[in-house]
Amino acid sequence: MQTLLVIVLVTLAALYSLWRLFPAERRARLLERVAPRAAHREDWVGRLWRAAQAQAVRGCQACAHGAARIYRGGRS
């Protein structure tokens, strides 16, 4: 029983890691394939789809690495 629990937890952790590493656009497309009406749902699938869409719209500004640089008057 303990082995089964460990297998399930490790599998869920791996799936979560893969999900977070996927680009937002691919996450949205994957959700559309899994649940074609995800945009109109009010459950967790709908929330995931809306979050993926919001991140895809922001593009490179969605993470800290894409933050705009501030011009400091000749100095960087």
PDB file of N, CA and C in Angstrom:
ATOM      1  N   MET A   1       0.827  -1.200   0.000  1.00  0.00           N
ATOM      2  CA  MET A   1       0.000   0.000   0.000  1.00  0.00           C
ATOM      3  C   MET A   1       0.868   1.259   0.000  1.00  0.00           C
ATOM      4  N   GLN A   2       1.927   1.231   0.807  1.00  0.00           N
ATOM      5  CA  GLN A   2       2.816   2.392   0.884  1.00  0.00           C
ATOM      6  C   GLN A   2       3.520   2.614  -0.456  1.00  0.00           C
ATOM      7  N   THR A   3       3.913   1.556  -1.114  1.00  0.00           N
ATOM      8  CA  THR A   3       4.570   1.657  -2.412  1.00  0.00           C
ATOM      9  C   THR A   3       3.625   2.277  -3.440  1.00  0.00           C
ATOM     10  N   LEU A   4       2.384   1.872  -3.417  1.00  0.00           N
ATOM     11  CA  LEU A   4       1.397   2.417  -4.337  1.00  0.00           C
ATOM     12  C   LEU A   4       1.197   3.914  -4.106  1.00  0.00           C
ATOM     13  N   LEU A   5       1.143   4.311  -2.858  1.00  0.00           N
ATOM     14  CA  LEU A   5       0.994   5.720  -2.522  1.00  0.00           C
ATOM     15  C   LEU A   5       2.189   6.535  -3.021  1.00  0.00           C
ATOM     16  N   VAL A   6       3.393   6.008  -2.862  1.00  0.00           N
ATOM     17  CA  VAL A   6       4.594   6.689  -3.336  1.00  0.00           C
ATOM     18  C   VAL A   6       4.578   6.810  -4.858  1.00  0.00           C
ATOM     19  N   ILE A   7       4.177   5.760  -5.540  1.00  0.00           N
ATOM     20  CA  ILE A   7       4.103   5.790  -7.002  1.00  0.00           C
ATOM     21  C   ILE A   7       3.120   6.853  -7.467  1.00  0.00           C
ATOM     22  N   VAL A   8       1.971   6.918  -6.836  1.00  0.00           N
ATOM     23  CA  VAL A   8       0.958   7.913  -7.203  1.00  0.00           C
ATOM     24  C   VAL A   8       1.479   9.331  -6.952  1.00  0.00           C
ATOM     25  N   LEU A   9       2.094   9.561  -5.802  1.00  0.00           N
ATOM     26  CA  LEU A   9       2.606  10.891  -5.479  1.00  0.00           C
ATOM     27  C   LEU A   9       3.719  11.323  -6.433  1.00  0.00           C
ATOM     28  N   VAL A  10       4.628  10.426  -6.754  1.00  0.00           N
ATOM     29  CA  VAL A  10       5.722  10.748  -7.674  1.00  0.00           C
ATOM     30  C   VAL A  10       5.178  11.023  -9.072  1.00  0.00           C
ATOM     31  N   THR A  11       4.212  10.238  -9.503  1.00  0.00           N
ATOM     32  CA  THR A  11       3.604  10.459 -10.821  1.00  0.00           C
ATOM     33  C   THR A  11       2.900  11.803 -10.873  1.00  0.00           C
ATOM     34  N   LEU A  12       2.150  12.141  -9.839  1.00  0.00           N
ATOM     35  CA  LEU A  12       1.467  13.437  -9.803  1.00  0.00           C
ATOM     36  C   LEU A  12       2.463  14.600  -9.777  1.00  0.00           C
ATOM     37  N   ALA A  13       3.536  14.446  -9.042  1.00  0.00           N
ATOM     38  CA  ALA A  13       4.557  15.493  -8.992  1.00  0.00           C
ATOM     39  C   ALA A  13       5.223  15.671 -10.357  1.00  0.00           C
ATOM     40  N   ALA A  14       5.490  14.574 -11.041  1.00  0.00           N
ATOM     41  CA  ALA A  14       6.094  14.654 -12.376  1.00  0.00           C
ATOM     42  C   ALA A  14       5.143  15.321 -13.372  1.00  0.00           C
ATOM     43  N   LEU A  15       3.862  14.975 -13.313  1.00  0.00           N
ATOM     44  CA  LEU A  15       2.882  15.596 -14.203  1.00  0.00           C
ATOM     45  C   LEU A  15       2.748  17.087 -13.923  1.00  0.00           C
ATOM     46  N   TYR A  16       2.755  17.456 -12.665  1.00  0.00           N
ATOM     47  CA  TYR A  16       2.675  18.876 -12.302  1.00  0.00           C
ATOM     48  C   TYR A  16       3.899  19.629 -12.822  1.00  0.00           C
ATOM     49  N   SER A  17       5.077  19.034 -12.678  1.00  0.00           N
ATOM     50  CA  SER A  17       6.292  19.679 -13.171  1.00  0.00           C
ATOM     51  C   SER A  17       6.252  19.855 -14.680  1.00  0.00           C
ATOM     52  N   LEU A  18       5.818  18.829 -15.384  1.00  0.00           N
ATOM     53  CA  LEU A  18       5.705  18.941 -16.839  1.00  0.00           C
ATOM     54  C   LEU A  18       4.703  20.022 -17.234  1.00  0.00           C
ATOM     55  N   TRP A  19       3.597  20.087 -16.529  1.00  0.00           N
ATOM     56  CA  TRP A  19       2.576  21.094 -16.810  1.00  0.00           C
ATOM     57  C   TRP A  19       3.136  22.497 -16.654  1.00  0.00           C
ATOM     58  N   ARG A  20       3.865  22.733 -15.570  1.00  0.00           N
ATOM     59  CA  ARG A  20       4.423  24.063 -15.303  1.00  0.00           C
ATOM     60  C   ARG A  20       5.509  24.430 -16.310  1.00  0.00           C
ATOM     61  N   LEU A  21       6.235  23.450 -16.839  1.00  0.00           N
ATOM     62  CA  LEU A  21       7.302  23.720 -17.792  1.00  0.00           C
ATOM     63  C   LEU A  21       6.798  23.881 -19.221  1.00  0.00           C
ATOM     64  N   PHE A  22       5.590  23.415 -19.503  1.00  0.00           N
ATOM     65  CA  PHE A  22       5.007  23.582 -20.836  1.00  0.00           C
ATOM     66  C   PHE A  22       4.767  25.063 -21.104  1.00  0.00           C
ATOM     67  N   PRO A  23       4.997  25.524 -22.318  1.00  0.00           N
ATOM     68  CA  PRO A  23       4.615  26.907 -22.650  1.00  0.00           C
ATOM     69  C   PRO A  23       3.097  27.082 -22.505  1.00  0.00           C
ATOM     70  N   ALA A  24       2.684  28.276 -22.164  1.00  0.00           N
ATOM     71  CA  ALA A  24       1.265  28.542 -21.896  1.00  0.00           C
ATOM     72  C   ALA A  24       0.387  28.237 -23.103  1.00  0.00           C
ATOM     73  N   GLU A  25       0.869  28.532 -24.287  1.00  0.00           N
ATOM     74  CA  GLU A  25       0.072  28.270 -25.494  1.00  0.00           C
ATOM     75  C   GLU A  25      -0.183  26.775 -25.668  1.00  0.00           C
ATOM     76  N   ARG A  26       0.827  25.965 -25.412  1.00  0.00           N
ATOM     77  CA  ARG A  26       0.645  24.516 -25.524  1.00  0.00           C
ATOM     78  C   ARG A  26      -0.271  23.977 -24.437  1.00  0.00           C
ATOM     79  N   ARG A  27      -0.200  24.567 -23.246  1.00  0.00           N
ATOM     80  CA  ARG A  27      -1.114  24.150 -22.174  1.00  0.00           C
ATOM     81  C   ARG A  27      -2.557  24.392 -22.588  1.00  0.00           C
ATOM     82  N   ALA A  28      -2.816  25.569 -23.168  1.00  0.00           N
ATOM     83  CA  ALA A  28      -4.177  25.889 -23.592  1.00  0.00           C
ATOM     84  C   ALA A  28      -4.638  24.933 -24.689  1.00  0.00           C
ATOM     85  N   ARG A  29      -3.755  24.637 -25.655  1.00  0.00           N
ATOM     86  CA  ARG A  29      -4.125  23.704 -26.729  1.00  0.00           C
ATOM     87  C   ARG A  29      -4.386  22.302 -26.184  1.00  0.00           C
ATOM     88  N   LEU A  30      -3.560  21.865 -25.240  1.00  0.00           N
ATOM     89  CA  LEU A  30      -3.755  20.545 -24.642  1.00  0.00           C
ATOM     90  C   LEU A  30      -5.101  20.482 -23.924  1.00  0.00           C
ATOM     91  N   LEU A  31      -5.431  21.524 -23.173  1.00  0.00           N
ATOM     92  CA  LEU A  31      -6.723  21.546 -22.486  1.00  0.00           C
ATOM     93  C   LEU A  31      -7.879  21.555 -23.471  1.00  0.00           C
ATOM     94  N   GLU A  32      -7.715  22.236 -24.612  1.00  0.00           N
ATOM     95  CA  GLU A  32      -8.781  22.243 -25.606  1.00  0.00           C
ATOM     96  C   GLU A  32      -8.989  20.862 -26.220  1.00  0.00           C
ATOM     97  N   ARG A  33      -7.906  20.102 -26.345  1.00  0.00           N
ATOM     98  CA  ARG A  33      -8.040  18.738 -26.868  1.00  0.00           C
ATOM     99  C   ARG A  33      -8.674  17.814 -25.838  1.00  0.00           C
ATOM    100  N   VAL A  34      -8.271  17.960 -24.580  1.00  0.00           N
ATOM    101  CA  VAL A  34      -8.801  17.088 -23.529  1.00  0.00           C
ATOM    102  C   VAL A  34     -10.259  17.430 -23.239  1.00  0.00           C
ATOM    103  N   ALA A  35     -10.549  18.714 -23.138  1.00  0.00           N
ATOM    104  CA  ALA A  35     -11.914  19.167 -22.844  1.00  0.00           C
ATOM    105  C   ALA A  35     -12.271  20.271 -23.839  1.00  0.00           C
ATOM    106  N   PRO A  36     -12.901  19.910 -24.960  1.00  0.00           N
ATOM    107  CA  PRO A  36     -13.169  20.885 -26.025  1.00  0.00           C
ATOM    108  C   PRO A  36     -13.969  22.116 -25.584  1.00  0.00           C
ATOM    109  N   ARG A  37     -14.777  21.997 -24.577  1.00  0.00           N
ATOM    110  CA  ARG A  37     -15.574  23.134 -24.123  1.00  0.00           C
ATOM    111  C   ARG A  37     -15.020  23.706 -22.821  1.00  0.00           C
ATOM    112  N   ALA A  38     -13.706  23.630 -22.649  1.00  0.00           N
ATOM    113  CA  ALA A  38     -13.067  24.064 -21.399  1.00  0.00           C
ATOM    114  C   ALA A  38     -13.300  25.546 -21.123  1.00  0.00           C
ATOM    115  N   ALA A  39     -13.378  26.351 -22.158  1.00  0.00           N
ATOM    116  CA  ALA A  39     -13.552  27.792 -21.968  1.00  0.00           C
ATOM    117  C   ALA A  39     -14.880  28.122 -21.303  1.00  0.00           C
ATOM    118  N   HIS A  40     -15.864  27.274 -21.467  1.00  0.00           N
ATOM    119  CA  HIS A  40     -17.206  27.554 -20.939  1.00  0.00           C
ATOM    120  C   HIS A  40     -17.503  26.829 -19.634  1.00  0.00           C
ATOM    121  N   ARG A  41     -16.531  26.085 -19.143  1.00  0.00           N
ATOM    122  CA  ARG A  41     -16.747  25.336 -17.909  1.00  0.00           C
ATOM    123  C   ARG A  41     -16.414  26.192 -16.703  1.00  0.00           C
ATOM    124  N   GLU A  42     -17.042  25.887 -15.593  1.00  0.00           N
ATOM    125  CA  GLU A  42     -16.812  26.633 -14.355  1.00  0.00           C
ATOM    126  C   GLU A  42     -16.029  25.820 -13.328  1.00  0.00           C
ATOM    127  N   ASP A  43     -15.607  24.613 -13.686  1.00  0.00           N
ATOM    128  CA  ASP A  43     -14.865  23.783 -12.737  1.00  0.00           C
ATOM    129  C   ASP A  43     -13.362  24.024 -12.874  1.00  0.00           C
ATOM    130  N   TRP A  44     -12.550  23.148 -12.335  1.00  0.00           N
ATOM    131  CA  TRP A  44     -11.100  23.335 -12.330  1.00  0.00           C
ATOM    132  C   TRP A  44     -10.515  23.319 -13.734  1.00  0.00           C
ATOM    133  N   VAL A  45     -11.132  22.588 -14.657  1.00  0.00           N
ATOM    134  CA  VAL A  45     -10.633  22.570 -16.035  1.00  0.00           C
ATOM    135  C   VAL A  45     -10.808  23.947 -16.665  1.00  0.00           C
ATOM    136  N   GLY A  46     -11.931  24.565 -16.432  1.00  0.00           N
ATOM    137  CA  GLY A  46     -12.170  25.909 -16.951  1.00  0.00           C
ATOM    138  C   GLY A  46     -11.213  26.931 -16.360  1.00  0.00           C
ATOM    139  N   ARG A  47     -10.944  26.814 -15.077  1.00  0.00           N
ATOM    140  CA  ARG A  47      -9.991  27.726 -14.442  1.00  0.00           C
ATOM    141  C   ARG A  47      -8.589  27.538 -15.001  1.00  0.00           C
ATOM    142  N   LEU A  48      -8.184  26.288 -15.221  1.00  0.00           N
ATOM    143  CA  LEU A  48      -6.871  26.029 -15.821  1.00  0.00           C
ATOM    144  C   LEU A  48      -6.785  26.622 -17.224  1.00  0.00           C
ATOM    145  N   TRP A  49      -7.842  26.447 -18.011  1.00  0.00           N
ATOM    146  CA  TRP A  49      -7.848  26.964 -19.376  1.00  0.00           C
ATOM    147  C   TRP A  49      -7.743  28.484 -19.384  1.00  0.00           C
ATOM    148  N   ARG A  50      -8.509  29.145 -18.527  1.00  0.00           N
ATOM    149  CA  ARG A  50      -8.458  30.611 -18.484  1.00  0.00           C
ATOM    150  C   ARG A  50      -7.093  31.110 -18.020  1.00  0.00           C
ATOM    151  N   ALA A  51      -6.488  30.419 -17.068  1.00  0.00           N
ATOM    152  CA  ALA A  51      -5.153  30.814 -16.607  1.00  0.00           C
ATOM    153  C   ALA A  51      -4.117  30.625 -17.713  1.00  0.00           C
ATOM    154  N   ALA A  52      -4.211  29.526 -18.448  1.00  0.00           N
ATOM    155  CA  ALA A  52      -3.274  29.286 -19.554  1.00  0.00           C
ATOM    156  C   ALA A  52      -3.461  30.324 -20.651  1.00  0.00           C
ATOM    157  N   GLN A  53      -4.706  30.671 -20.944  1.00  0.00           N
ATOM    158  CA  GLN A  53      -4.965  31.698 -21.955  1.00  0.00           C
ATOM    159  C   GLN A  53      -4.415  33.050 -21.515  1.00  0.00           C
ATOM    160  N   ALA A  54      -4.598  33.393 -20.254  1.00  0.00           N
ATOM    161  CA  ALA A  54      -4.100  34.676 -19.759  1.00  0.00           C
ATOM    162  C   ALA A  54      -2.584  34.741 -19.842  1.00  0.00           C
ATOM    163  N   GLN A  55      -1.901  33.644 -19.531  1.00  0.00           N
ATOM    164  CA  GLN A  55      -0.446  33.624 -19.626  1.00  0.00           C
ATOM    165  C   GLN A  55       0.012  33.657 -21.068  1.00  0.00           C
ATOM    166  N   ALA A  56      -0.718  33.009 -21.973  1.00  0.00           N
ATOM    167  CA  ALA A  56      -0.341  32.996 -23.385  1.00  0.00           C
ATOM    168  C   ALA A  56      -0.482  34.385 -23.991  1.00  0.00           C
ATOM    169  N   VAL A  57      -1.457  35.144 -23.550  1.00  0.00           N
ATOM    170  CA  VAL A  57      -1.675  36.494 -24.078  1.00  0.00           C
ATOM    171  C   VAL A  57      -0.537  37.415 -23.664  1.00  0.00           C
ATOM    172  N   ARG A  58      -0.055  37.251 -22.440  1.00  0.00           N
ATOM    173  CA  ARG A  58       1.026  38.105 -21.958  1.00  0.00           C
ATOM    174  C   ARG A  58       2.350  37.795 -22.633  1.00  0.00           C
ATOM    175  N   GLY A  59       2.515  36.590 -23.143  1.00  0.00           N
ATOM    176  CA  GLY A  59       3.741  36.224 -23.835  1.00  0.00           C
ATOM    177  C   GLY A  59       4.954  36.293 -22.937  1.00  0.00           C
ATOM    178  N   CYS A  60       5.998  36.930 -23.414  1.00  0.00           N
ATOM    179  CA  CYS A  60       7.268  36.973 -22.677  1.00  0.00           C
ATOM    180  C   CYS A  60       7.183  37.837 -21.425  1.00  0.00           C
ATOM    181  N   GLN A  61       6.171  38.628 -21.277  1.00  0.00           N
ATOM    182  CA  GLN A  61       6.029  39.460 -20.088  1.00  0.00           C
ATOM    183  C   GLN A  61       5.425  38.686 -18.924  1.00  0.00           C
ATOM    184  N   ALA A  62       5.104  37.398 -19.138  1.00  0.00           N
ATOM    185  CA  ALA A  62       4.459  36.598 -18.099  1.00  0.00           C
ATOM    186  C   ALA A  62       5.416  36.125 -17.016  1.00  0.00           C
ATOM    187  N   CYS A  63       6.717  36.198 -17.293  1.00  0.00           N
ATOM    188  CA  CYS A  63       7.665  35.737 -16.276  1.00  0.00           C
ATOM    189  C   CYS A  63       8.662  36.847 -15.940  1.00  0.00           C
ATOM    190  N   ALA A  64       9.441  36.641 -14.914  1.00  0.00           N
ATOM    191  CA  ALA A  64      10.399  37.655 -14.475  1.00  0.00           C
ATOM    192  C   ALA A  64      11.492  37.886 -15.510  1.00  0.00           C
ATOM    193  N   HIS A  65      11.830  36.874 -16.299  1.00  0.00           N
ATOM    194  CA  HIS A  65      12.885  37.033 -17.293  1.00  0.00           C
ATOM    195  C   HIS A  65      12.449  37.945 -18.437  1.00  0.00           C
ATOM    196  N   GLY A  66      11.159  38.122 -18.622  1.00  0.00           N
ATOM    197  CA  GLY A  66      10.671  38.951 -19.704  1.00  0.00           C
ATOM    198  C   GLY A  66      10.330  40.360 -19.259  1.00  0.00           C
ATOM    199  N   ALA A  67      10.682  40.719 -18.047  1.00  0.00           N
ATOM    200  CA  ALA A  67      10.349  42.049 -17.536  1.00  0.00           C
ATOM    201  C   ALA A  67      11.078  43.122 -18.338  1.00  0.00           C
ATOM    202  N   ALA A  68      10.392  44.217 -18.540  1.00  0.00           N
ATOM    203  CA  ALA A  68      10.979  45.319 -19.305  1.00  0.00           C
ATOM    204  C   ALA A  68      12.148  45.934 -18.542  1.00  0.00           C
ATOM    205  N   ARG A  69      13.171  46.326 -19.281  1.00  0.00           N
ATOM    206  CA  ARG A  69      14.314  46.981 -18.650  1.00  0.00           C
ATOM    207  C   ARG A  69      14.019  48.467 -18.505  1.00  0.00           C
ATOM    208  N   ILE A  70      14.503  49.040 -17.449  1.00  0.00           N
ATOM    209  CA  ILE A  70      14.267  50.451 -17.181  1.00  0.00           C
ATOM    210  C   ILE A  70      15.472  51.238 -17.682  1.00  0.00           C
ATOM    211  N   TYR A  71      15.214  52.248 -18.481  1.00  0.00           N
ATOM    212  CA  TYR A  71      16.286  53.105 -18.990  1.00  0.00           C
ATOM    213  C   TYR A  71      16.718  54.051 -17.892  1.00  0.00           C
ATOM    214  N   ARG A  72      18.007  54.072 -17.624  1.00  0.00           N
ATOM    215  CA  ARG A  72      18.539  54.876 -16.517  1.00  0.00           C
ATOM    216  C   ARG A  72      19.381  56.042 -17.017  1.00  0.00           C
ATOM    217  N   GLY A  73      19.054  56.621 -18.132  1.00  0.00           N
ATOM    218  CA  GLY A  73      19.759  57.804 -18.606  1.00  0.00           C
ATOM    219  C   GLY A  73      21.217  57.568 -18.972  1.00  0.00           C
ATOM    220  N   GLY A  74      21.495  56.575 -19.764  1.00  0.00           N
ATOM    221  CA  GLY A  74      22.858  56.329 -20.209  1.00  0.00           C
ATOM    222  C   GLY A  74      23.588  55.298 -19.404  1.00  0.00           C
ATOM    223  N   ARG A  75      23.211  55.073 -18.176  1.00  0.00           N
ATOM    224  CA  ARG A  75      23.829  54.038 -17.341  1.00  0.00           C
ATOM    225  C   ARG A  75      22.954  52.792 -17.343  1.00  0.00           C
ATOM    226  N   SER A  76      23.601  51.647 -17.280  1.00  0.00           N
ATOM    227  CA  SER A  76      22.806  50.429 -17.224  1.00  0.00           C
ATOM    228  C   SER A  76      23.008  49.704 -15.927  1.00  0.00           C
TER     229      SER A  76
END
